[in-house]
Structure formats: C-alpha cells, structure tokens
C-alpha cells in the first residue's frame, strides 16, 4: 500500500494517539439496575473530579455484571 506522505503521517499519528489513550483500562461490576450496557456503549466514570470515557470490551453476565473496559477519547 502506498500513501502520500501527509496521509501516512496522519494515519500514524492517529494510531499512536489511540494506542496512548487505550493504555488505561478498568474492570468493575455493575448492579442489576445497570444491566442494559453493551459493548457499543460509552461509560462515563468520575474519578478525582475528572470524567473519563470508557468503552466496554467484554461483559460477563451474572447477578452483578462484570465489565472490562478501555479508555476512549472521541477527540482522537
């Protein structure tokens, strides 16, 4: 695949930024009242007064729903 240098640089920068943002992850459980989450959703987690966007990558069902998620940044 051949790309013009400008487009190749944009693709490279985007891939690196997505990898940088996605290095943060979280594992948590939700109560039955929050069973509607699926992997397409974005979860806002507040920690130390800052909101962090997380996207579920796996969801396990039981009485409490166990979710593995990675950080997401829509700007990137």
PDB file of N, CA and C in Angstrom:
ATOM      1  N   UNK A   1       0.842  -1.155   0.000  1.00  0.00           N
ATOM      2  CA  UNK A   1       0.000   0.000   0.000  1.00  0.00           C
ATOM      3  C   UNK A   1       0.900   1.234   0.000  1.00  0.00           C
ATOM      4  N   UNK A   2       0.605   2.167  -0.866  1.00  0.00           N
ATOM      5  CA  UNK A   2       1.376   3.418  -0.932  1.00  0.00           C
ATOM      6  C   UNK A   2       0.448   4.582  -0.617  1.00  0.00           C
ATOM      7  N   UNK A   3       0.919   5.483   0.229  1.00  0.00           N
ATOM      8  CA  UNK A   3       0.154   6.663   0.616  1.00  0.00           C
ATOM      9  C   UNK A   3       1.006   7.914   0.428  1.00  0.00           C
ATOM     10  N   UNK A   4       0.355   9.027   0.154  1.00  0.00           N
ATOM     11  CA  UNK A   4       1.115  10.278   0.144  1.00  0.00           C
ATOM     12  C   UNK A   4       1.682  10.515   1.551  1.00  0.00           C
ATOM     13  N   UNK A   5       2.844  11.147   1.667  1.00  0.00           N
ATOM     14  CA  UNK A   5       3.474  11.338   2.984  1.00  0.00           C
ATOM     15  C   UNK A   5       2.569  12.001   4.025  1.00  0.00           C
ATOM     16  N   UNK A   6       1.765  12.967   3.614  1.00  0.00           N
ATOM     17  CA  UNK A   6       0.889  13.664   4.575  1.00  0.00           C
ATOM     18  C   UNK A   6      -0.158  12.717   5.154  1.00  0.00           C
ATOM     19  N   UNK A   7      -0.763  11.905   4.292  1.00  0.00           N
ATOM     20  CA  UNK A   7      -1.786  10.973   4.761  1.00  0.00           C
ATOM     21  C   UNK A   7      -1.164   9.879   5.627  1.00  0.00           C
ATOM     22  N   UNK A   8       0.010   9.397   5.245  1.00  0.00           N
ATOM     23  CA  UNK A   8       0.692   8.374   6.033  1.00  0.00           C
ATOM     24  C   UNK A   8       1.014   8.908   7.426  1.00  0.00           C
ATOM     25  N   UNK A   9       1.447  10.163   7.509  1.00  0.00           N
ATOM     26  CA  UNK A   9       1.761  10.750   8.817  1.00  0.00           C
ATOM     27  C   UNK A   9       0.499  10.888   9.664  1.00  0.00           C
ATOM     28  N   UNK A  10      -0.617  11.321   9.066  1.00  0.00           N
ATOM     29  CA  UNK A  10      -1.884  11.436   9.809  1.00  0.00           C
ATOM     30  C   UNK A  10      -2.324  10.080  10.343  1.00  0.00           C
ATOM     31  N   UNK A  11      -2.224   9.049   9.510  1.00  0.00           N
ATOM     32  CA  UNK A  11      -2.612   7.697   9.940  1.00  0.00           C
ATOM     33  C   UNK A  11      -1.733   7.218  11.092  1.00  0.00           C
ATOM     34  N   UNK A  12      -0.450   7.474  10.979  1.00  0.00           N
ATOM     35  CA  UNK A  12       0.488   7.065  12.023  1.00  0.00           C
ATOM     36  C   UNK A  12       0.193   7.793  13.335  1.00  0.00           C
ATOM     37  N   UNK A  13      -0.018   9.119  13.264  1.00  0.00           N
ATOM     38  CA  UNK A  13      -0.313   9.899  14.475  1.00  0.00           C
ATOM     39  C   UNK A  13      -1.604   9.433  15.135  1.00  0.00           C
ATOM     40  N   UNK A  14      -2.625   9.174  14.338  1.00  0.00           N
ATOM     41  CA  UNK A  14      -3.903   8.721  14.892  1.00  0.00           C
ATOM     42  C   UNK A  14      -3.741   7.376  15.590  1.00  0.00           C
ATOM     43  N   UNK A  15      -3.033   6.452  14.958  1.00  0.00           N
ATOM     44  CA  UNK A  15      -2.816   5.133  15.555  1.00  0.00           C
ATOM     45  C   UNK A  15      -2.061   5.246  16.870  1.00  0.00           C
ATOM     46  N   UNK A  16      -1.030   6.086  16.900  1.00  0.00           N
ATOM     47  CA  UNK A  16      -0.271   6.281  18.137  1.00  0.00           C
ATOM     48  C   UNK A  16      -1.120   6.919  19.227  1.00  0.00           C
ATOM     49  N   UNK A  17      -1.955   7.908  18.881  1.00  0.00           N
ATOM     50  CA  UNK A  17      -2.818   8.566  19.876  1.00  0.00           C
ATOM     51  C   UNK A  17      -3.851   7.589  20.425  1.00  0.00           C
ATOM     52  N   UNK A  18      -4.440   6.754  19.553  1.00  0.00           N
ATOM     53  CA  UNK A  18      -5.409   5.766  20.016  1.00  0.00           C
ATOM     54  C   UNK A  18      -4.745   4.754  20.949  1.00  0.00           C
ATOM     55  N   UNK A  19      -3.531   4.349  20.625  1.00  0.00           N
ATOM     56  CA  UNK A  19      -2.808   3.409  21.489  1.00  0.00           C
ATOM     57  C   UNK A  19      -2.488   4.050  22.830  1.00  0.00           C
ATOM     58  N   UNK A  20      -2.124   5.332  22.832  1.00  0.00           N
ATOM     59  CA  UNK A  20      -1.793   6.038  24.068  1.00  0.00           C
ATOM     60  C   UNK A  20      -3.016   6.146  24.973  1.00  0.00           C
ATOM     61  N   UNK A  21      -4.141   6.544  24.400  1.00  0.00           N
ATOM     62  CA  UNK A  21      -5.375   6.685  25.183  1.00  0.00           C
ATOM     63  C   UNK A  21      -5.846   5.319  25.671  1.00  0.00           C
ATOM     64  N   UNK A  22      -5.760   4.282  24.838  1.00  0.00           N
ATOM     65  CA  UNK A  22      -6.269   2.958  25.172  1.00  0.00           C
ATOM     66  C   UNK A  22      -5.412   2.181  26.154  1.00  0.00           C
ATOM     67  N   UNK A  23      -4.292   2.761  26.609  1.00  0.00           N
ATOM     68  CA  UNK A  23      -3.438   2.038  27.557  1.00  0.00           C
ATOM     69  C   UNK A  23      -4.076   1.956  28.933  1.00  0.00           C
ATOM     70  N   UNK A  24      -5.038   2.822  29.224  1.00  0.00           N
ATOM     71  CA  UNK A  24      -5.740   2.808  30.508  1.00  0.00           C
ATOM     72  C   UNK A  24      -6.958   1.900  30.402  1.00  0.00           C
ATOM     73  N   UNK A  25      -7.147   1.078  31.416  1.00  0.00           N
ATOM     74  CA  UNK A  25      -8.286   0.172  31.413  1.00  0.00           C
ATOM     75  C   UNK A  25      -8.903   0.111  32.805  1.00  0.00           C
ATOM     76  N   UNK A  26     -10.082  -0.467  32.865  1.00  0.00           N
ATOM     77  CA  UNK A  26     -10.787  -0.602  34.140  1.00  0.00           C
ATOM     78  C   UNK A  26     -11.566  -1.916  34.138  1.00  0.00           C
ATOM     79  N   UNK A  27     -11.703  -2.495  35.306  1.00  0.00           N
ATOM     80  CA  UNK A  27     -12.535  -3.673  35.498  1.00  0.00           C
ATOM     81  C   UNK A  27     -13.463  -3.356  36.663  1.00  0.00           C
ATOM     82  N   UNK A  28     -14.754  -3.507  36.452  1.00  0.00           N
ATOM     83  CA  UNK A  28     -15.703  -3.191  37.522  1.00  0.00           C
ATOM     84  C   UNK A  28     -16.963  -4.019  37.361  1.00  0.00           C
ATOM     85  N   UNK A  29     -17.792  -3.989  38.392  1.00  0.00           N
ATOM     86  CA  UNK A  29     -19.064  -4.713  38.384  1.00  0.00           C
ATOM     87  C   UNK A  29     -20.200  -3.723  38.564  1.00  0.00           C
ATOM     88  N   UNK A  30     -21.298  -3.992  37.899  1.00  0.00           N
ATOM     89  CA  UNK A  30     -22.469  -3.133  37.982  1.00  0.00           C
ATOM     90  C   UNK A  30     -23.643  -3.907  38.567  1.00  0.00           C
ATOM     91  N   UNK A  31     -24.526  -3.212  39.275  1.00  0.00           N
ATOM     92  CA  UNK A  31     -25.702  -3.869  39.850  1.00  0.00           C
ATOM     93  C   UNK A  31     -26.726  -4.209  38.766  1.00  0.00           C
ATOM     94  N   UNK A  32     -27.704  -5.065  39.103  1.00  0.00           N
ATOM     95  CA  UNK A  32     -28.731  -5.458  38.125  1.00  0.00           C
ATOM     96  C   UNK A  32     -29.477  -4.278  37.505  1.00  0.00           C
ATOM     97  N   UNK A  33     -29.556  -3.138  38.187  1.00  0.00           N
ATOM     98  CA  UNK A  33     -30.251  -1.975  37.633  1.00  0.00           C
ATOM     99  C   UNK A  33     -29.515  -1.396  36.427  1.00  0.00           C
ATOM    100  N   UNK A  34     -28.283  -1.786  36.187  1.00  0.00           N
ATOM    101  CA  UNK A  34     -27.474  -1.285  35.068  1.00  0.00           C
ATOM    102  C   UNK A  34     -27.164  -2.383  34.046  1.00  0.00           C
ATOM    103  N   UNK A  35     -28.047  -3.356  33.907  1.00  0.00           N
ATOM    104  CA  UNK A  35     -27.793  -4.486  33.017  1.00  0.00           C
ATOM    105  C   UNK A  35     -27.942  -4.135  31.536  1.00  0.00           C
ATOM    106  N   UNK A  36     -28.362  -2.935  31.199  1.00  0.00           N
ATOM    107  CA  UNK A  36     -28.602  -2.574  29.801  1.00  0.00           C
ATOM    108  C   UNK A  36     -27.326  -2.245  29.028  1.00  0.00           C
ATOM    109  N   UNK A  37     -26.162  -2.182  29.669  1.00  0.00           N
ATOM    110  CA  UNK A  37     -24.919  -1.855  28.959  1.00  0.00           C
ATOM    111  C   UNK A  37     -24.541  -2.946  27.975  1.00  0.00           C
ATOM    112  N   UNK A  38     -23.996  -2.535  26.826  1.00  0.00           N
ATOM    113  CA  UNK A  38     -23.424  -3.484  25.881  1.00  0.00           C
ATOM    114  C   UNK A  38     -22.129  -2.896  25.316  1.00  0.00           C
ATOM    115  N   UNK A  39     -21.341  -3.651  24.547  1.00  0.00           N
ATOM    116  CA  UNK A  39     -20.029  -3.189  24.092  1.00  0.00           C
ATOM    117  C   UNK A  39     -20.047  -1.952  23.198  1.00  0.00           C
ATOM    118  N   UNK A  40     -21.192  -1.545  22.704  1.00  0.00           N
ATOM    119  CA  UNK A  40     -21.261  -0.335  21.868  1.00  0.00           C
ATOM    120  C   UNK A  40     -21.376   0.938  22.699  1.00  0.00           C
ATOM    121  N   UNK A  41     -21.674   0.817  23.976  1.00  0.00           N
ATOM    122  CA  UNK A  41     -21.903   1.980  24.834  1.00  0.00           C
ATOM    123  C   UNK A  41     -20.594   2.631  25.269  1.00  0.00           C
ATOM    124  N   UNK A  42     -20.713   3.881  25.694  1.00  0.00           N
ATOM    125  CA  UNK A  42     -19.606   4.597  26.318  1.00  0.00           C
ATOM    126  C   UNK A  42     -20.029   4.856  27.758  1.00  0.00           C
ATOM    127  N   UNK A  43     -19.147   4.520  28.689  1.00  0.00           N
ATOM    128  CA  UNK A  43     -19.425   4.688  30.114  1.00  0.00           C
ATOM    129  C   UNK A  43     -18.587   5.854  30.618  1.00  0.00           C
ATOM    130  N   UNK A  44     -19.221   6.784  31.309  1.00  0.00           N
ATOM    131  CA  UNK A  44     -18.501   7.899  31.924  1.00  0.00           C
ATOM    132  C   UNK A  44     -18.217   7.547  33.372  1.00  0.00           C
ATOM    133  N   UNK A  45     -16.955   7.545  33.738  1.00  0.00           N
ATOM    134  CA  UNK A  45     -16.527   7.218  35.088  1.00  0.00           C
ATOM    135  C   UNK A  45     -15.922   8.471  35.708  1.00  0.00           C
ATOM    136  N   UNK A  46     -16.438   8.879  36.862  1.00  0.00           N
ATOM    137  CA  UNK A  46     -15.881  10.039  37.554  1.00  0.00           C
ATOM    138  C   UNK A  46     -14.898   9.562  38.610  1.00  0.00           C
ATOM    139  N   UNK A  47     -13.690  10.112  38.542  1.00  0.00           N
ATOM    140  CA  UNK A  47     -12.650   9.765  39.497  1.00  0.00           C
ATOM    141  C   UNK A  47     -11.836  11.019  39.782  1.00  0.00           C
ATOM    142  N   UNK A  48     -11.733  11.381  41.044  1.00  0.00           N
ATOM    143  CA  UNK A  48     -10.989  12.565  41.462  1.00  0.00           C
ATOM    144  C   UNK A  48     -11.480  13.824  40.756  1.00  0.00           C
ATOM    145  N   UNK A  49     -12.787  13.915  40.533  1.00  0.00           N
ATOM    146  CA  UNK A  49     -13.374  15.100  39.913  1.00  0.00           C
ATOM    147  C   UNK A  49     -13.225  15.170  38.407  1.00  0.00           C
ATOM    148  N   UNK A  50     -12.645  14.151  37.782  1.00  0.00           N
ATOM    149  CA  UNK A  50     -12.462  14.133  36.325  1.00  0.00           C
ATOM    150  C   UNK A  50     -13.331  13.026  35.717  1.00  0.00           C
ATOM    151  N   UNK A  51     -13.951  13.336  34.591  1.00  0.00           N
ATOM    152  CA  UNK A  51     -14.732  12.334  33.876  1.00  0.00           C
ATOM    153  C   UNK A  51     -13.843  11.630  32.860  1.00  0.00           C
ATOM    154  N   UNK A  52     -13.921  10.320  32.832  1.00  0.00           N
ATOM    155  CA  UNK A  52     -13.166   9.505  31.889  1.00  0.00           C
ATOM    156  C   UNK A  52     -14.150   8.676  31.088  1.00  0.00           C
ATOM    157  N   UNK A  53     -14.001   8.686  29.752  1.00  0.00           N
ATOM    158  CA  UNK A  53     -14.845   7.870  28.896  1.00  0.00           C
ATOM    159  C   UNK A  53     -14.223   6.482  28.759  1.00  0.00           C
ATOM    160  N   UNK A  54     -15.041   5.458  28.975  1.00  0.00           N
ATOM    161  CA  UNK A  54     -14.591   4.077  28.845  1.00  0.00           C
ATOM    162  C   UNK A  54     -15.512   3.343  27.884  1.00  0.00           C
ATOM    163  N   UNK A  55     -14.928   2.474  27.082  1.00  0.00           N
ATOM    164  CA  UNK A  55     -15.723   1.636  26.196  1.00  0.00           C
ATOM    165  C   UNK A  55     -15.558   0.188  26.621  1.00  0.00           C
ATOM    166  N   UNK A  56     -16.663  -0.495  26.916  1.00  0.00           N
ATOM    167  CA  UNK A  56     -16.573  -1.906  27.302  1.00  0.00           C
ATOM    168  C   UNK A  56     -15.964  -2.748  26.178  1.00  0.00           C
ATOM    169  N   UNK A  57     -15.079  -3.664  26.555  1.00  0.00           N
ATOM    170  CA  UNK A  57     -14.530  -4.609  25.583  1.00  0.00           C
ATOM    171  C   UNK A  57     -15.021  -6.019  25.861  1.00  0.00           C
ATOM    172  N   UNK A  58     -15.460  -6.280  27.102  1.00  0.00           N
ATOM    173  CA  UNK A  58     -16.107  -7.556  27.404  1.00  0.00           C
ATOM    174  C   UNK A  58     -17.062  -7.363  28.570  1.00  0.00           C
ATOM    175  N   UNK A  59     -18.160  -8.093  28.498  1.00  0.00           N
ATOM    176  CA  UNK A  59     -19.191  -8.025  29.540  1.00  0.00           C
ATOM    177  C   UNK A  59     -19.583  -9.451  29.888  1.00  0.00           C
ATOM    178  N   UNK A  60     -19.471  -9.800  31.178  1.00  0.00           N
ATOM    179  CA  UNK A  60     -19.848 -11.131  31.650  1.00  0.00           C
ATOM    180  C   UNK A  60     -21.112 -11.015  32.479  1.00  0.00           C
ATOM    181  N   UNK A  61     -22.068 -11.860  32.217  1.00  0.00           N
ATOM    182  CA  UNK A  61     -23.333 -11.796  32.920  1.00  0.00           C
ATOM    183  C   UNK A  61     -23.380 -12.692  34.150  1.00  0.00           C
ATOM    184  N   UNK A  62     -24.027 -12.206  35.180  1.00  0.00           N
ATOM    185  CA  UNK A  62     -24.321 -12.933  36.414  1.00  0.00           C
ATOM    186  C   UNK A  62     -25.220 -12.017  37.226  1.00  0.00           C
ATOM    187  N   UNK A  63     -25.295 -12.226  38.543  1.00  0.00           N
ATOM    188  CA  UNK A  63     -26.080 -11.306  39.375  1.00  0.00           C
ATOM    189  C   UNK A  63     -25.521  -9.891  39.249  1.00  0.00           C
ATOM    190  N   UNK A  64     -24.208  -9.772  39.289  1.00  0.00           N
ATOM    191  CA  UNK A  64     -23.547  -8.495  39.031  1.00  0.00           C
ATOM    192  C   UNK A  64     -22.857  -8.613  37.685  1.00  0.00           C
ATOM    193  N   UNK A  65     -22.958  -7.604  36.866  1.00  0.00           N
ATOM    194  CA  UNK A  65     -22.361  -7.640  35.535  1.00  0.00           C
ATOM    195  C   UNK A  65     -20.913  -7.177  35.600  1.00  0.00           C
ATOM    196  N   UNK A  66     -19.984  -8.049  35.256  1.00  0.00           N
ATOM    197  CA  UNK A  66     -18.559  -7.734  35.261  1.00  0.00           C
ATOM    198  C   UNK A  66     -18.173  -7.160  33.901  1.00  0.00           C
ATOM    199  N   UNK A  67     -17.529  -5.990  33.919  1.00  0.00           N
ATOM    200  CA  UNK A  67     -17.182  -5.295  32.676  1.00  0.00           C
ATOM    201  C   UNK A  67     -15.696  -4.982  32.648  1.00  0.00           C
ATOM    202  N   UNK A  68     -15.039  -5.325  31.538  1.00  0.00           N
ATOM    203  CA  UNK A  68     -13.673  -4.893  31.252  1.00  0.00           C
ATOM    204  C   UNK A  68     -13.793  -3.784  30.217  1.00  0.00           C
ATOM    205  N   UNK A  69     -13.130  -2.649  30.454  1.00  0.00           N
ATOM    206  CA  UNK A  69     -13.262  -1.515  29.546  1.00  0.00           C
ATOM    207  C   UNK A  69     -11.915  -0.845  29.338  1.00  0.00           C
ATOM    208  N   UNK A  70     -11.785  -0.133  28.207  1.00  0.00           N
ATOM    209  CA  UNK A  70     -10.587   0.651  27.923  1.00  0.00           C
ATOM    210  C   UNK A  70     -10.985   2.106  27.760  1.00  0.00           C
ATOM    211  N   UNK A  71     -10.034   2.987  28.050  1.00  0.00           N
ATOM    212  CA  UNK A  71     -10.294   4.418  27.940  1.00  0.00           C
ATOM    213  C   UNK A  71     -10.502   4.793  26.484  1.00  0.00           C
ATOM    214  N   UNK A  72     -11.368   5.752  26.275  1.00  0.00           N
ATOM    215  CA  UNK A  72     -11.683   6.222  24.940  1.00  0.00           C
ATOM    216  C   UNK A  72     -11.656   7.734  24.949  1.00  0.00           C
ATOM    217  N   UNK A  73     -11.242   8.330  23.853  1.00  0.00           N
ATOM    218  CA  UNK A  73     -11.241   9.781  23.715  1.00  0.00           C
ATOM    219  C   UNK A  73     -11.791  10.089  22.338  1.00  0.00           C
ATOM    220  N   UNK A  74     -13.006  10.604  22.266  1.00  0.00           N
ATOM    221  CA  UNK A  74     -13.646  10.848  20.974  1.00  0.00           C
ATOM    222  C   UNK A  74     -12.901  11.872  20.138  1.00  0.00           C
ATOM    223  N   UNK A  75     -12.159  12.767  20.767  1.00  0.00           N
ATOM    224  CA  UNK A  75     -11.396  13.781  20.033  1.00  0.00           C
ATOM    225  C   UNK A  75     -10.322  13.127  19.180  1.00  0.00           C
ATOM    226  N   UNK A  76      -9.696  12.068  19.718  1.00  0.00           N
ATOM    227  CA  UNK A  76      -8.658  11.349  18.991  1.00  0.00           C
ATOM    228  C   UNK A  76      -9.278  10.665  17.801  1.00  0.00           C
TER     229      UNK A  76
END
